[in-house]
Amino acid sequence: MKRTFLAVVAAFALAVPNIVAQTNNPPDSPPPKPQADQPPPKQDPGVRKLSRRERKDRIKNLSEKYRQFLADVEPIMQDS
């Protein structure tokens, strides 16, 4: 009886990692490659880039708190 119990426990201990590792997810397929003949995606028509003057005017109209924030984050800001 003890041997049977130990055999079952050992078999279960060896099988648990395999049972846990199995998933129902399909294997990852590679992402589609962009076509060379396709034009780059266009910018949203509702969004336009501000001119340098418009940016300066908007920054000038901000409160000191927000101007200080822009000065602090300027080194890490990206164009987008």
C-alpha atoms as a PDB file:
ATOM      1  CA  MET A   1       0.000   0.000   0.000  1.00  0.00           C
ATOM      2  CA  LYS A   2       2.809   2.407   0.884  1.00  0.00           C
ATOM      3  CA  ARG A   3       4.671   1.568  -2.332  1.00  0.00           C
ATOM      4  CA  THR A   4       1.583   2.230  -4.437  1.00  0.00           C
ATOM      5  CA  PHE A   5       0.985   5.526  -2.683  1.00  0.00           C
ATOM      6  CA  LEU A   6       4.632   6.554  -3.138  1.00  0.00           C
ATOM      7  CA  ALA A   7       4.501   5.544  -6.819  1.00  0.00           C
ATOM      8  CA  VAL A   8       1.373   7.653  -7.367  1.00  0.00           C
ATOM      9  CA  VAL A   9       2.877  10.651  -5.542  1.00  0.00           C
ATOM     10  CA  ALA A  10       6.131  10.355  -7.525  1.00  0.00           C
ATOM     11  CA  ALA A  11       4.271  10.062 -10.834  1.00  0.00           C
ATOM     12  CA  PHE A  12       2.115  13.063  -9.956  1.00  0.00           C
ATOM     13  CA  ALA A  13       5.169  15.100  -8.881  1.00  0.00           C
ATOM     14  CA  LEU A  14       6.850  14.367 -12.222  1.00  0.00           C
ATOM     15  CA  ALA A  15       3.703  15.095 -14.250  1.00  0.00           C
ATOM     16  CA  VAL A  16       2.723  18.408 -12.605  1.00  0.00           C
ATOM     17  CA  PRO A  17       5.299  20.602 -14.403  1.00  0.00           C
ATOM     18  CA  ASN A  18       4.164  19.248 -17.786  1.00  0.00           C
ATOM     19  CA  ILE A  19       0.493  19.708 -16.972  1.00  0.00           C
ATOM     20  CA  VAL A  20       1.031  23.267 -15.760  1.00  0.00           C
ATOM     21  CA  ALA A  21       3.230  24.179 -18.743  1.00  0.00           C
ATOM     22  CA  GLN A  22       0.608  23.193 -21.321  1.00  0.00           C
ATOM     23  CA  THR A  23      -1.596  25.981 -22.633  1.00  0.00           C
ATOM     24  CA  ASN A  24      -4.383  26.226 -25.155  1.00  0.00           C
ATOM     25  CA  ASN A  25      -2.784  29.168 -26.932  1.00  0.00           C
ATOM     26  CA  PRO A  26      -1.766  28.602 -30.548  1.00  0.00           C
ATOM     27  CA  PRO A  27       1.907  29.169 -31.370  1.00  0.00           C
ATOM     28  CA  ASP A  28       2.862  32.722 -32.175  1.00  0.00           C
ATOM     29  CA  SER A  29       2.838  33.490 -35.848  1.00  0.00           C
ATOM     30  CA  PRO A  30       5.375  35.998 -37.155  1.00  0.00           C
ATOM     31  CA  PRO A  31       3.999  39.513 -37.680  1.00  0.00           C
ATOM     32  CA  PRO A  32       3.247  40.416 -41.289  1.00  0.00           C
ATOM     33  CA  LYS A  33       6.098  42.162 -43.047  1.00  0.00           C
ATOM     34  CA  PRO A  34       5.369  45.669 -44.356  1.00  0.00           C
ATOM     35  CA  GLN A  35       5.169  45.918 -48.114  1.00  0.00           C
ATOM     36  CA  ALA A  36       7.882  48.005 -49.736  1.00  0.00           C
ATOM     37  CA  ASP A  37       5.448  49.448 -52.272  1.00  0.00           C
ATOM     38  CA  GLN A  38       2.973  50.674 -49.625  1.00  0.00           C
ATOM     39  CA  PRO A  39       3.155  54.359 -48.670  1.00  0.00           C
ATOM     40  CA  PRO A  40       3.811  55.164 -45.003  1.00  0.00           C
ATOM     41  CA  PRO A  41       0.686  55.586 -42.865  1.00  0.00           C
ATOM     42  CA  LYS A  42      -0.744  59.075 -43.071  1.00  0.00           C
ATOM     43  CA  GLN A  43      -1.149  61.386 -40.111  1.00  0.00           C
ATOM     44  CA  ASP A  44      -4.615  61.786 -38.638  1.00  0.00           C
ATOM     45  CA  PRO A  45      -6.333  64.535 -40.669  1.00  0.00           C
ATOM     46  CA  GLY A  46      -7.672  66.119 -37.461  1.00  0.00           C
ATOM     47  CA  VAL A  47      -4.162  66.651 -36.075  1.00  0.00           C
ATOM     48  CA  ARG A  48      -1.752  69.125 -37.591  1.00  0.00           C
ATOM     49  CA  LYS A  49       1.704  70.142 -36.505  1.00  0.00           C
ATOM     50  CA  LEU A  50       1.888  73.581 -34.941  1.00  0.00           C
ATOM     51  CA  SER A  51       4.221  76.163 -36.362  1.00  0.00           C
ATOM     52  CA  ARG A  52       7.074  77.480 -34.235  1.00  0.00           C
ATOM     53  CA  ARG A  53       5.208  80.758 -33.682  1.00  0.00           C
ATOM     54  CA  GLU A  54       2.014  78.950 -32.598  1.00  0.00           C
ATOM     55  CA  ARG A  55       3.987  76.844 -30.113  1.00  0.00           C
ATOM     56  CA  LYS A  56       5.705  79.948 -28.681  1.00  0.00           C
ATOM     57  CA  ASP A  57       2.368  81.763 -28.343  1.00  0.00           C
ATOM     58  CA  ARG A  58       0.729  78.824 -26.605  1.00  0.00           C
ATOM     59  CA  ILE A  59       3.661  78.367 -24.214  1.00  0.00           C
ATOM     60  CA  LYS A  60       3.625  82.115 -23.466  1.00  0.00           C
ATOM     61  CA  ASN A  61      -0.053  81.882 -22.459  1.00  0.00           C
ATOM     62  CA  LEU A  62       0.549  79.027 -20.004  1.00  0.00           C
ATOM     63  CA  SER A  63       0.808  79.569 -16.279  1.00  0.00           C
ATOM     64  CA  GLU A  64       4.275  79.501 -14.686  1.00  0.00           C
ATOM     65  CA  LYS A  65       3.649  76.031 -13.266  1.00  0.00           C
ATOM     66  CA  TYR A  66       3.093  74.493 -16.716  1.00  0.00           C
ATOM     67  CA  ARG A  67       5.951  76.428 -18.328  1.00  0.00           C
ATOM     68  CA  GLN A  68       8.272  75.051 -15.644  1.00  0.00           C
ATOM     69  CA  PHE A  69       6.989  71.542 -16.351  1.00  0.00           C
ATOM     70  CA  LEU A  70       7.732  71.928 -20.078  1.00  0.00           C
ATOM     71  CA  ALA A  71      11.219  73.180 -19.272  1.00  0.00           C
ATOM     72  CA  ASP A  72      11.796  70.149 -17.040  1.00  0.00           C
ATOM     73  CA  VAL A  73      10.609  67.550 -19.561  1.00  0.00           C
ATOM     74  CA  GLU A  74      12.042  69.155 -22.704  1.00  0.00           C
ATOM     75  CA  PRO A  75      15.209  66.979 -22.679  1.00  0.00           C
ATOM     76  CA  ILE A  76      13.128  63.769 -22.773  1.00  0.00           C
ATOM     77  CA  MET A  77      10.272  64.845 -25.048  1.00  0.00           C
ATOM     78  CA  GLN A  78       9.957  63.293 -28.489  1.00  0.00           C
ATOM     79  CA  ASP A  79       8.579  64.963 -31.618  1.00  0.00           C
ATOM     80  CA  SER A  80       5.517  62.747 -31.660  1.00  0.00           C
END
